[in-house]
Structure formats: structure tokens, C-alpha cells
Amino acid sequence: MSQDKPIACSLGANALEQRRATIADIGAESLVSQEAKGDQRLLRFRSSAATRQRLEGIVAAEVECCSFLELSLTERDGELVLSIAAPEAGQAIADELAETFAGVGK
């Protein structure tokens, strides 16, 4: 994984808290399971058009503020699968994002 992008989030404190709340809401409503595979976190969500739209919005927003994250959203076996990965130096942030979807630390 390339480490040429800075490992930093460009959001201010208020925007970050709002983003975390949105992410936690999506997780509370639709998260089915999560697993770690090496440096990748796979989160599975109940599939619906509304959930897909919300997850696509989060992916687009996270790419803007945390460009070092590698995020992808696919549909597999009737579920939406969000993959979150990061270079080693950004792994804690990727883990935190996955934990926020799961409601850890609320």
C-alpha cells in the first residue's frame, strides 16, 4: 500500500464529531457484521438503496478528508460490503472508522 499521502484528517473537531455521529447511525441501523483481514476491515450492511446512498456519501466524504484511506463499497451475497484499508501509519484511523460504524466507544 502506498504511503505517499499524508496520514492526517482535514476535518475540524465539530465536523469530525458530526461525521462520527452519522457513521454510528448508519452502523446502528444497518451493520450486520465486521471482520479484520490483515490490514483490511470488512463491514457488511443490510442492502437497501437508502443504505447504499448513505454509505456512498460517507466513502466520498472520507476520501476528501482522509485521502490515505482506501475505501470501496461493493455488493456481495445480498449485503453491502465496505472495505477499509490504510497504510501501516494510518491503521489506527482505519480501525477507528470501523469501530465507529460498530458503535464502539459511544
PDB file of N, CA and C in Angstrom:
ATOM      1  N   MET A   1       0.845  -1.174   0.000  1.00  0.00           N
ATOM      2  CA  MET A   1       0.000   0.000   0.000  1.00  0.00           C
ATOM      3  C   MET A   1       0.888   1.234   0.000  1.00  0.00           C
ATOM      4  N   SER A   2       0.574   2.177  -0.825  1.00  0.00           N
ATOM      5  CA  SER A   2       1.376   3.388  -0.970  1.00  0.00           C
ATOM      6  C   SER A   2       1.236   4.277   0.252  1.00  0.00           C
ATOM      7  N   GLN A   3       2.350   4.922   0.651  1.00  0.00           N
ATOM      8  CA  GLN A   3       2.311   5.826   1.790  1.00  0.00           C
ATOM      9  C   GLN A   3       2.668   7.243   1.370  1.00  0.00           C
ATOM     10  N   ASP A   4       2.401   7.596   0.115  1.00  0.00           N
ATOM     11  CA  ASP A   4       2.766   8.921  -0.365  1.00  0.00           C
ATOM     12  C   ASP A   4       1.754   9.997   0.014  1.00  0.00           C
ATOM     13  N   LYS A   5       0.623   9.644   0.568  1.00  0.00           N
ATOM     14  CA  LYS A   5      -0.376  10.617   1.005  1.00  0.00           C
ATOM     15  C   LYS A   5      -0.195  10.874   2.494  1.00  0.00           C
ATOM     16  N   PRO A   6      -0.392  12.111   2.930  1.00  0.00           N
ATOM     17  CA  PRO A   6      -0.218  12.404   4.358  1.00  0.00           C
ATOM     18  C   PRO A   6      -1.255  11.662   5.203  1.00  0.00           C
ATOM     19  N   ILE A   7      -0.811  11.155   6.344  1.00  0.00           N
ATOM     20  CA  ILE A   7      -1.696  10.452   7.269  1.00  0.00           C
ATOM     21  C   ILE A   7      -2.276  11.502   8.213  1.00  0.00           C
ATOM     22  N   ALA A   8      -3.369  12.107   7.770  1.00  0.00           N
ATOM     23  CA  ALA A   8      -3.997  13.172   8.541  1.00  0.00           C
ATOM     24  C   ALA A   8      -5.439  13.336   8.086  1.00  0.00           C
ATOM     25  N   CYS A   9      -6.267  13.772   9.009  1.00  0.00           N
ATOM     26  CA  CYS A   9      -7.667  14.083   8.700  1.00  0.00           C
ATOM     27  C   CYS A   9      -7.796  15.596   8.644  1.00  0.00           C
ATOM     28  N   SER A  10      -8.465  16.080   7.625  1.00  0.00           N
ATOM     29  CA  SER A  10      -8.581  17.535   7.448  1.00  0.00           C
ATOM     30  C   SER A  10      -9.821  18.127   8.123  1.00  0.00           C
ATOM     31  N   LEU A  11     -10.618  17.311   8.791  1.00  0.00           N
ATOM     32  CA  LEU A  11     -11.829  17.827   9.442  1.00  0.00           C
ATOM     33  C   LEU A  11     -11.501  18.523  10.754  1.00  0.00           C
ATOM     34  N   GLY A  12     -12.248  19.567  11.042  1.00  0.00           N
ATOM     35  CA  GLY A  12     -12.166  20.217  12.342  1.00  0.00           C
ATOM     36  C   GLY A  12     -12.932  19.389  13.367  1.00  0.00           C
ATOM     37  N   ALA A  13     -12.811  19.744  14.632  1.00  0.00           N
ATOM     38  CA  ALA A  13     -13.405  18.966  15.718  1.00  0.00           C
ATOM     39  C   ALA A  13     -14.922  18.828  15.578  1.00  0.00           C
ATOM     40  N   ASN A  14     -15.633  19.916  15.285  1.00  0.00           N
ATOM     41  CA  ASN A  14     -17.094  19.847  15.161  1.00  0.00           C
ATOM     42  C   ASN A  14     -17.516  18.988  13.979  1.00  0.00           C
ATOM     43  N   ALA A  15     -16.873  19.173  12.845  1.00  0.00           N
ATOM     44  CA  ALA A  15     -17.202  18.383  11.657  1.00  0.00           C
ATOM     45  C   ALA A  15     -16.893  16.914  11.887  1.00  0.00           C
ATOM     46  N   LEU A  16     -15.809  16.632  12.589  1.00  0.00           N
ATOM     47  CA  LEU A  16     -15.439  15.250  12.883  1.00  0.00           C
ATOM     48  C   LEU A  16     -16.491  14.584  13.768  1.00  0.00           C
ATOM     49  N   GLU A  17     -16.943  15.271  14.786  1.00  0.00           N
ATOM     50  CA  GLU A  17     -17.970  14.715  15.673  1.00  0.00           C
ATOM     51  C   GLU A  17     -19.282  14.475  14.918  1.00  0.00           C
ATOM     52  N   GLN A  18     -19.652  15.395  14.030  1.00  0.00           N
ATOM     53  CA  GLN A  18     -20.864  15.205  13.224  1.00  0.00           C
ATOM     54  C   GLN A  18     -20.712  13.999  12.309  1.00  0.00           C
ATOM     55  N   ARG A  19     -19.536  13.854  11.699  1.00  0.00           N
ATOM     56  CA  ARG A  19     -19.287  12.713  10.812  1.00  0.00           C
ATOM     57  C   ARG A  19     -19.366  11.409  11.590  1.00  0.00           C
ATOM     58  N   ARG A  20     -18.751  11.388  12.769  1.00  0.00           N
ATOM     59  CA  ARG A  20     -18.795  10.173  13.605  1.00  0.00           C
ATOM     60  C   ARG A  20     -20.235   9.813  13.972  1.00  0.00           C
ATOM     61  N   ALA A  21     -21.045  10.807  14.283  1.00  0.00           N
ATOM     62  CA  ALA A  21     -22.435  10.542  14.639  1.00  0.00           C
ATOM     63  C   ALA A  21     -23.193   9.948  13.454  1.00  0.00           C
ATOM     64  N   THR A  22     -22.951  10.485  12.265  1.00  0.00           N
ATOM     65  CA  THR A  22     -23.597   9.960  11.056  1.00  0.00           C
ATOM     66  C   THR A  22     -23.170   8.519  10.815  1.00  0.00           C
ATOM     67  N   ILE A  23     -21.879   8.254  10.941  1.00  0.00           N
ATOM     68  CA  ILE A  23     -21.350   6.906  10.732  1.00  0.00           C
ATOM     69  C   ILE A  23     -21.939   5.936  11.752  1.00  0.00           C
ATOM     70  N   ALA A  24     -21.989   6.338  13.006  1.00  0.00           N
ATOM     71  CA  ALA A  24     -22.548   5.483  14.053  1.00  0.00           C
ATOM     72  C   ALA A  24     -24.027   5.189  13.791  1.00  0.00           C
ATOM     73  N   ASP A  25     -24.766   6.176  13.302  1.00  0.00           N
ATOM     74  CA  ASP A  25     -26.186   5.975  12.977  1.00  0.00           C
ATOM     75  C   ASP A  25     -26.352   4.932  11.877  1.00  0.00           C
ATOM     76  N   ILE A  26     -25.544   5.041  10.834  1.00  0.00           N
ATOM     77  CA  ILE A  26     -25.621   4.057   9.744  1.00  0.00           C
ATOM     78  C   ILE A  26     -25.313   2.668  10.277  1.00  0.00           C
ATOM     79  N   GLY A  27     -24.273   2.572  11.089  1.00  0.00           N
ATOM     80  CA  GLY A  27     -23.921   1.283  11.670  1.00  0.00           C
ATOM     81  C   GLY A  27     -25.028   0.718  12.533  1.00  0.00           C
ATOM     82  N   ALA A  28     -25.603   1.554  13.391  1.00  0.00           N
ATOM     83  CA  ALA A  28     -26.673   1.093  14.282  1.00  0.00           C
ATOM     84  C   ALA A  28     -27.882   0.599  13.496  1.00  0.00           C
ATOM     85  N   GLU A  29     -28.159   1.226  12.375  1.00  0.00           N
ATOM     86  CA  GLU A  29     -29.326   0.865  11.575  1.00  0.00           C
ATOM     87  C   GLU A  29     -29.088  -0.340  10.667  1.00  0.00           C
ATOM     88  N   SER A  30     -27.856  -0.519  10.162  1.00  0.00           N
ATOM     89  CA  SER A  30     -27.683  -1.473   9.073  1.00  0.00           C
ATOM     90  C   SER A  30     -26.509  -2.431   9.170  1.00  0.00           C
ATOM     91  N   LEU A  31     -25.569  -2.214  10.097  1.00  0.00           N
ATOM     92  CA  LEU A  31     -24.390  -3.080  10.160  1.00  0.00           C
ATOM     93  C   LEU A  31     -24.791  -4.489  10.583  1.00  0.00           C
ATOM     94  N   VAL A  32     -24.341  -5.465   9.811  1.00  0.00           N
ATOM     95  CA  VAL A  32     -24.632  -6.872  10.092  1.00  0.00           C
ATOM     96  C   VAL A  32     -23.433  -7.529  10.773  1.00  0.00           C
ATOM     97  N   SER A  33     -22.235  -7.284  10.243  1.00  0.00           N
ATOM     98  CA  SER A  33     -21.031  -7.890  10.813  1.00  0.00           C
ATOM     99  C   SER A  33     -19.807  -7.125  10.349  1.00  0.00           C
ATOM    100  N   GLN A  34     -18.691  -7.427  11.014  1.00  0.00           N
ATOM    101  CA  GLN A  34     -17.416  -6.857  10.596  1.00  0.00           C
ATOM    102  C   GLN A  34     -16.331  -7.883  10.865  1.00  0.00           C
ATOM    103  N   GLU A  35     -15.267  -7.808  10.084  1.00  0.00           N
ATOM    104  CA  GLU A  35     -14.135  -8.693  10.300  1.00  0.00           C
ATOM    105  C   GLU A  35     -12.859  -8.000   9.848  1.00  0.00           C
ATOM    106  N   ALA A  36     -11.752  -8.434  10.430  1.00  0.00           N
ATOM    107  CA  ALA A  36     -10.446  -7.929  10.040  1.00  0.00           C
ATOM    108  C   ALA A  36      -9.756  -8.997   9.206  1.00  0.00           C
ATOM    109  N   LYS A  37      -9.180  -8.570   8.085  1.00  0.00           N
ATOM    110  CA  LYS A  37      -8.398  -9.463   7.229  1.00  0.00           C
ATOM    111  C   LYS A  37      -7.085  -8.753   6.939  1.00  0.00           C
ATOM    112  N   GLY A  38      -6.069  -9.043   7.732  1.00  0.00           N
ATOM    113  CA  GLY A  38      -4.799  -8.349   7.568  1.00  0.00           C
ATOM    114  C   GLY A  38      -4.968  -6.874   7.886  1.00  0.00           C
ATOM    115  N   ASP A  39      -4.593  -6.011   6.952  1.00  0.00           N
ATOM    116  CA  ASP A  39      -4.717  -4.564   7.169  1.00  0.00           C
ATOM    117  C   ASP A  39      -6.051  -4.022   6.666  1.00  0.00           C
ATOM    118  N   GLN A  40      -6.975  -4.899   6.370  1.00  0.00           N
ATOM    119  CA  GLN A  40      -8.270  -4.514   5.813  1.00  0.00           C
ATOM    120  C   GLN A  40      -9.389  -4.833   6.799  1.00  0.00           C
ATOM    121  N   ARG A  41     -10.353  -3.935   6.877  1.00  0.00           N
ATOM    122  CA  ARG A  41     -11.557  -4.163   7.671  1.00  0.00           C
ATOM    123  C   ARG A  41     -12.724  -4.301   6.700  1.00  0.00           C
ATOM    124  N   LEU A  42     -13.501  -5.367   6.853  1.00  0.00           N
ATOM    125  CA  LEU A  42     -14.668  -5.593   6.008  1.00  0.00           C
ATOM    126  C   LEU A  42     -15.914  -5.459   6.868  1.00  0.00           C
ATOM    127  N   LEU A  43     -16.773  -4.513   6.494  1.00  0.00           N
ATOM    128  CA  LEU A  43     -18.019  -4.293   7.212  1.00  0.00           C
ATOM    129  C   LEU A  43     -19.171  -4.644   6.284  1.00  0.00           C
ATOM    130  N   ARG A  44     -20.089  -5.452   6.775  1.00  0.00           N
ATOM    131  CA  ARG A  44     -21.240  -5.888   5.973  1.00  0.00           C
ATOM    132  C   ARG A  44     -22.507  -5.226   6.513  1.00  0.00           C
ATOM    133  N   PHE A  45     -23.285  -4.700   5.564  1.00  0.00           N
ATOM    134  CA  PHE A  45     -24.513  -3.976   5.904  1.00  0.00           C
ATOM    135  C   PHE A  45     -25.700  -4.598   5.179  1.00  0.00           C
ATOM    136  N   ARG A  46     -26.882  -4.494   5.800  1.00  0.00           N
ATOM    137  CA  ARG A  46     -28.103  -4.886   5.095  1.00  0.00           C
ATOM    138  C   ARG A  46     -28.215  -4.018   3.850  1.00  0.00           C
ATOM    139  N   SER A  47     -28.548  -4.643   2.751  1.00  0.00           N
ATOM    140  CA  SER A  47     -28.601  -3.918   1.486  1.00  0.00           C
ATOM    141  C   SER A  47     -29.955  -3.246   1.291  1.00  0.00           C
ATOM    142  N   SER A  48     -29.896  -1.950   1.027  1.00  0.00           N
ATOM    143  CA  SER A  48     -31.066  -1.181   0.619  1.00  0.00           C
ATOM    144  C   SER A  48     -30.546   0.012  -0.157  1.00  0.00           C
ATOM    145  N   ALA A  49     -31.394   0.595  -0.953  1.00  0.00           N
ATOM    146  CA  ALA A  49     -30.982   1.764  -1.734  1.00  0.00           C
ATOM    147  C   ALA A  49     -30.577   2.913  -0.811  1.00  0.00           C
ATOM    148  N   ALA A  50     -31.311   3.095   0.279  1.00  0.00           N
ATOM    149  CA  ALA A  50     -31.003   4.188   1.206  1.00  0.00           C
ATOM    150  C   ALA A  50     -29.659   3.963   1.893  1.00  0.00           C
ATOM    151  N   THR A  51     -29.403   2.735   2.311  1.00  0.00           N
ATOM    152  CA  THR A  51     -28.120   2.442   2.959  1.00  0.00           C
ATOM    153  C   THR A  51     -26.978   2.617   1.977  1.00  0.00           C
ATOM    154  N   ARG A  52     -27.156   2.138   0.759  1.00  0.00           N
ATOM    155  CA  ARG A  52     -26.109   2.310  -0.253  1.00  0.00           C
ATOM    156  C   ARG A  52     -25.811   3.796  -0.454  1.00  0.00           C
ATOM    157  N   GLN A  53     -26.839   4.605  -0.571  1.00  0.00           N
ATOM    158  CA  GLN A  53     -26.651   6.037  -0.792  1.00  0.00           C
ATOM    159  C   GLN A  53     -25.903   6.675   0.379  1.00  0.00           C
ATOM    160  N   ARG A  54     -26.271   6.310   1.587  1.00  0.00           N
ATOM    161  CA  ARG A  54     -25.607   6.873   2.764  1.00  0.00           C
ATOM    162  C   ARG A  54     -24.145   6.435   2.837  1.00  0.00           C
ATOM    163  N   LEU A  55     -23.889   5.154   2.552  1.00  0.00           N
ATOM    164  CA  LEU A  55     -22.507   4.666   2.577  1.00  0.00           C
ATOM    165  C   LEU A  55     -21.674   5.301   1.465  1.00  0.00           C
ATOM    166  N   GLU A  56     -22.252   5.470   0.287  1.00  0.00           N
ATOM    167  CA  GLU A  56     -21.536   6.142  -0.800  1.00  0.00           C
ATOM    168  C   GLU A  56     -21.170   7.570  -0.400  1.00  0.00           C
ATOM    169  N   GLY A  57     -22.075   8.227   0.316  1.00  0.00           N
ATOM    170  CA  GLY A  57     -21.795   9.573   0.794  1.00  0.00           C
ATOM    171  C   GLY A  57     -20.643   9.600   1.793  1.00  0.00           C
ATOM    172  N   ILE A  58     -20.608   8.621   2.699  1.00  0.00           N
ATOM    173  CA  ILE A  58     -19.508   8.535   3.664  1.00  0.00           C
ATOM    174  C   ILE A  58     -18.197   8.253   2.954  1.00  0.00           C
ATOM    175  N   VAL A  59     -18.207   7.322   2.011  1.00  0.00           N
ATOM    176  CA  VAL A  59     -16.983   6.997   1.266  1.00  0.00           C
ATOM    177  C   VAL A  59     -16.456   8.246   0.562  1.00  0.00           C
ATOM    178  N   ALA A  60     -17.333   8.967  -0.124  1.00  0.00           N
ATOM    179  CA  ALA A  60     -16.908  10.178  -0.838  1.00  0.00           C
ATOM    180  C   ALA A  60     -16.355  11.223   0.137  1.00  0.00           C
ATOM    181  N   ALA A  61     -17.012  11.380   1.272  1.00  0.00           N
ATOM    182  CA  ALA A  61     -16.568  12.373   2.258  1.00  0.00           C
ATOM    183  C   ALA A  61     -15.231  11.972   2.877  1.00  0.00           C
ATOM    184  N   GLU A  62     -15.046  10.696   3.173  1.00  0.00           N
ATOM    185  CA  GLU A  62     -13.799  10.239   3.778  1.00  0.00           C
ATOM    186  C   GLU A  62     -12.630  10.343   2.799  1.00  0.00           C
ATOM    187  N   VAL A  63     -12.882  10.132   1.532  1.00  0.00           N
ATOM    188  CA  VAL A  63     -11.823  10.277   0.519  1.00  0.00           C
ATOM    189  C   VAL A  63     -11.328  11.728   0.495  1.00  0.00           C
ATOM    190  N   GLU A  64     -12.234  12.664   0.732  1.00  0.00           N
ATOM    191  CA  GLU A  64     -11.866  14.086   0.749  1.00  0.00           C
ATOM    192  C   GLU A  64     -11.021  14.441   1.964  1.00  0.00           C
ATOM    193  N   CYS A  65     -11.405  13.959   3.137  1.00  0.00           N
ATOM    194  CA  CYS A  65     -10.719  14.398   4.356  1.00  0.00           C
ATOM    195  C   CYS A  65      -9.575  13.490   4.775  1.00  0.00           C
ATOM    196  N   CYS A  66      -9.618  12.249   4.378  1.00  0.00           N
ATOM    197  CA  CYS A  66      -8.578  11.272   4.762  1.00  0.00           C
ATOM    198  C   CYS A  66      -8.153  10.507   3.515  1.00  0.00           C
ATOM    199  N   SER A  67      -7.466  11.180   2.623  1.00  0.00           N
ATOM    200  CA  SER A  67      -7.156  10.609   1.315  1.00  0.00           C
ATOM    201  C   SER A  67      -6.250   9.387   1.377  1.00  0.00           C
ATOM    202  N   PHE A  68      -5.604   9.142   2.506  1.00  0.00           N
ATOM    203  CA  PHE A  68      -4.753   7.964   2.641  1.00  0.00           C
ATOM    204  C   PHE A  68      -5.559   6.682   2.816  1.00  0.00           C
ATOM    205  N   LEU A  69      -6.829   6.796   3.217  1.00  0.00           N
ATOM    206  CA  LEU A  69      -7.673   5.614   3.383  1.00  0.00           C
ATOM    207  C   LEU A  69      -8.040   5.030   2.026  1.00  0.00           C
ATOM    208  N   GLU A  70      -8.086   3.719   1.968  1.00  0.00           N
ATOM    209  CA  GLU A  70      -8.567   3.032   0.771  1.00  0.00           C
ATOM    210  C   GLU A  70      -9.920   2.439   1.116  1.00  0.00           C
ATOM    211  N   LEU A  71     -10.956   3.012   0.509  1.00  0.00           N
ATOM    212  CA  LEU A  71     -12.326   2.609   0.786  1.00  0.00           C
ATOM    213  C   LEU A  71     -12.982   2.105  -0.483  1.00  0.00           C
ATOM    214  N   SER A  72     -13.736   1.023  -0.361  1.00  0.00           N
ATOM    215  CA  SER A  72     -14.521   0.562  -1.505  1.00  0.00           C
ATOM    216  C   SER A  72     -15.828  -0.015  -0.991  1.00  0.00           C
ATOM    217  N   LEU A  73     -16.858   0.148  -1.792  1.00  0.00           N
ATOM    218  CA  LEU A  73     -18.186  -0.351  -1.449  1.00  0.00           C
ATOM    219  C   LEU A  73     -18.647  -1.256  -2.574  1.00  0.00           C
ATOM    220  N   THR A  74     -18.973  -2.499  -2.225  1.00  0.00           N
ATOM    221  CA  THR A  74     -19.452  -3.468  -3.208  1.00  0.00           C
ATOM    222  C   THR A  74     -20.697  -4.148  -2.647  1.00  0.00           C
ATOM    223  N   GLU A  75     -21.347  -4.913  -3.495  1.00  0.00           N
ATOM    224  CA  GLU A  75     -22.468  -5.723  -3.034  1.00  0.00           C
ATOM    225  C   GLU A  75     -22.092  -7.174  -3.251  1.00  0.00           C
ATOM    226  N   ARG A  76     -22.255  -7.963  -2.188  1.00  0.00           N
ATOM    227  CA  ARG A  76     -21.884  -9.367  -2.240  1.00  0.00           C
ATOM    228  C   ARG A  76     -22.871 -10.176  -1.405  1.00  0.00           C
ATOM    229  N   ASP A  77     -23.398 -11.235  -1.984  1.00  0.00           N
ATOM    230  CA  ASP A  77     -24.312 -12.134  -1.267  1.00  0.00           C
ATOM    231  C   ASP A  77     -25.477 -11.397  -0.616  1.00  0.00           C
ATOM    232  N   GLY A  78     -26.011 -10.399  -1.322  1.00  0.00           N
ATOM    233  CA  GLY A  78     -27.163  -9.661  -0.825  1.00  0.00           C
ATOM    234  C   GLY A  78     -26.860  -8.652   0.261  1.00  0.00           C
ATOM    235  N   GLU A  79     -25.576  -8.396   0.504  1.00  0.00           N
ATOM    236  CA  GLU A  79     -25.180  -7.399   1.506  1.00  0.00           C
ATOM    237  C   GLU A  79     -24.263  -6.369   0.863  1.00  0.00           C
ATOM    238  N   LEU A  80     -24.252  -5.185   1.430  1.00  0.00           N
ATOM    239  CA  LEU A  80     -23.290  -4.162   1.035  1.00  0.00           C
ATOM    240  C   LEU A  80     -22.029  -4.392   1.859  1.00  0.00           C
ATOM    241  N   VAL A  81     -20.884  -4.402   1.196  1.00  0.00           N
ATOM    242  CA  VAL A  81     -19.614  -4.657   1.877  1.00  0.00           C
ATOM    243  C   VAL A  81     -18.718  -3.435   1.720  1.00  0.00           C
ATOM    244  N   LEU A  82     -18.368  -2.834   2.852  1.00  0.00           N
ATOM    245  CA  LEU A  82     -17.468  -1.691   2.875  1.00  0.00           C
ATOM    246  C   LEU A  82     -16.099  -2.186   3.304  1.00  0.00           C
ATOM    247  N   SER A  83     -15.104  -1.978   2.456  1.00  0.00           N
ATOM    248  CA  SER A  83     -13.724  -2.325   2.764  1.00  0.00           C
ATOM    249  C   SER A  83     -12.980  -1.059   3.155  1.00  0.00           C
ATOM    250  N   ILE A  84     -12.279  -1.133   4.277  1.00  0.00           N
ATOM    251  CA  ILE A  84     -11.485  -0.010   4.771  1.00  0.00           C
ATOM    252  C   ILE A  84     -10.056  -0.502   4.967  1.00  0.00           C
ATOM    253  N   ALA A  85      -9.108   0.154   4.318  1.00  0.00           N
ATOM    254  CA  ALA A  85      -7.696  -0.193   4.486  1.00  0.00           C
ATOM    255  C   ALA A  85      -6.886   1.095   4.548  1.00  0.00           C
ATOM    256  N   ALA A  86      -5.682   0.963   5.088  1.00  0.00           N
ATOM    257  CA  ALA A  86      -4.795   2.123   5.217  1.00  0.00           C
ATOM    258  C   ALA A  86      -3.362   1.629   5.287  1.00  0.00           C
ATOM    259  N   PRO A  87      -2.417   2.501   4.950  1.00  0.00           N
ATOM    260  CA  PRO A  87      -1.018   2.137   5.176  1.00  0.00           C
ATOM    261  C   PRO A  87      -0.789   1.942   6.678  1.00  0.00           C
ATOM    262  N   GLU A  88       0.281   1.292   7.036  1.00  0.00           N
ATOM    263  CA  GLU A  88       0.554   0.972   8.437  1.00  0.00           C
ATOM    264  C   GLU A  88       0.438   2.190   9.349  1.00  0.00           C
ATOM    265  N   ALA A  89       0.956   3.313   8.921  1.00  0.00           N
ATOM    266  CA  ALA A  89       0.925   4.521   9.748  1.00  0.00           C
ATOM    267  C   ALA A  89      -0.493   5.047   9.971  1.00  0.00           C
ATOM    268  N   GLY A  90      -1.439   4.680   9.125  1.00  0.00           N
ATOM    269  CA  GLY A  90      -2.815   5.132   9.254  1.00  0.00           C
ATOM    270  C   GLY A  90      -3.767   4.063   9.732  1.00  0.00           C
ATOM    271  N   GLN A  91      -3.226   2.914  10.127  1.00  0.00           N
ATOM    272  CA  GLN A  91      -4.077   1.793  10.513  1.00  0.00           C
ATOM    273  C   GLN A  91      -4.972   2.123  11.699  1.00  0.00           C
ATOM    274  N   ALA A  92      -4.472   2.877  12.655  1.00  0.00           N
ATOM    275  CA  ALA A  92      -5.288   3.227  13.821  1.00  0.00           C
ATOM    276  C   ALA A  92      -6.522   4.032  13.403  1.00  0.00           C
ATOM    277  N   ILE A  93      -6.372   4.888  12.413  1.00  0.00           N
ATOM    278  CA  ILE A  93      -7.506   5.692  11.940  1.00  0.00           C
ATOM    279  C   ILE A  93      -8.506   4.805  11.206  1.00  0.00           C
ATOM    280  N   ALA A  94      -8.010   3.868  10.404  1.00  0.00           N
ATOM    281  CA  ALA A  94      -8.901   2.927   9.712  1.00  0.00           C
ATOM    282  C   ALA A  94      -9.662   2.078  10.728  1.00  0.00           C
ATOM    283  N   ASP A  95      -8.960   1.622  11.763  1.00  0.00           N
ATOM    284  CA  ASP A  95      -9.613   0.835  12.814  1.00  0.00           C
ATOM    285  C   ASP A  95     -10.673   1.662  13.535  1.00  0.00           C
ATOM    286  N   GLU A  96     -10.352   2.920  13.814  1.00  0.00           N
ATOM    287  CA  GLU A  96     -11.294   3.796  14.487  1.00  0.00           C
ATOM    288  C   GLU A  96     -12.553   4.007  13.647  1.00  0.00           C
ATOM    289  N   LEU A  97     -12.374   4.145  12.336  1.00  0.00           N
ATOM    290  CA  LEU A  97     -13.527   4.313  11.444  1.00  0.00           C
ATOM    291  C   LEU A  97     -14.421   3.078  11.507  1.00  0.00           C
ATOM    292  N   ALA A  98     -13.816   1.898  11.432  1.00  0.00           N
ATOM    293  CA  ALA A  98     -14.592   0.651  11.512  1.00  0.00           C
ATOM    294  C   ALA A  98     -15.297   0.551  12.857  1.00  0.00           C
ATOM    295  N   GLU A  99     -14.602   0.901  13.931  1.00  0.00           N
ATOM    296  CA  GLU A  99     -15.202   0.846  15.265  1.00  0.00           C
ATOM    297  C   GLU A  99     -16.351   1.840  15.414  1.00  0.00           C
ATOM    298  N   THR A 100     -16.263   2.964  14.754  1.00  0.00           N
ATOM    299  CA  THR A 100     -17.341   3.947  14.811  1.00  0.00           C
ATOM    300  C   THR A 100     -18.606   3.384  14.168  1.00  0.00           C
ATOM    301  N   PHE A 101     -18.460   2.712  13.030  1.00  0.00           N
ATOM    302  CA  PHE A 101     -19.625   2.059  12.417  1.00  0.00           C
ATOM    303  C   PHE A 101     -20.230   1.044  13.378  1.00  0.00           C
ATOM    304  N   ALA A 102     -19.377   0.354  14.135  1.00  0.00           N
ATOM    305  CA  ALA A 102     -19.830  -0.700  15.048  1.00  0.00           C
ATOM    306  C   ALA A 102     -20.343  -0.154  16.383  1.00  0.00           C
ATOM    307  N   GLY A 103     -20.224   1.162  16.580  1.00  0.00           N
ATOM    308  CA  GLY A 103     -20.720   1.757  17.813  1.00  0.00           C
ATOM    309  C   GLY A 103     -19.782   1.606  18.994  1.00  0.00           C
ATOM    310  N   VAL A 104     -18.532   1.239  18.733  1.00  0.00           N
ATOM    311  CA  VAL A 104     -17.544   1.097  19.806  1.00  0.00           C
ATOM    312  C   VAL A 104     -17.130   2.483  20.283  1.00  0.00           C
ATOM    313  N   GLY A 105     -17.104   2.672  21.583  1.00  0.00           N
ATOM    314  CA  GLY A 105     -16.646   3.941  22.144  1.00  0.00           C
ATOM    315  C   GLY A 105     -17.704   5.028  22.198  1.00  0.00           C
ATOM    316  N   LYS A 106     -18.963   4.660  21.964  1.00  0.00           N
ATOM    317  CA  LYS A 106     -20.032   5.663  22.043  1.00  0.00           C
ATOM    318  C   LYS A 106     -20.353   6.002  23.471  1.00  0.00           C
TER     319      LYS A 106
END
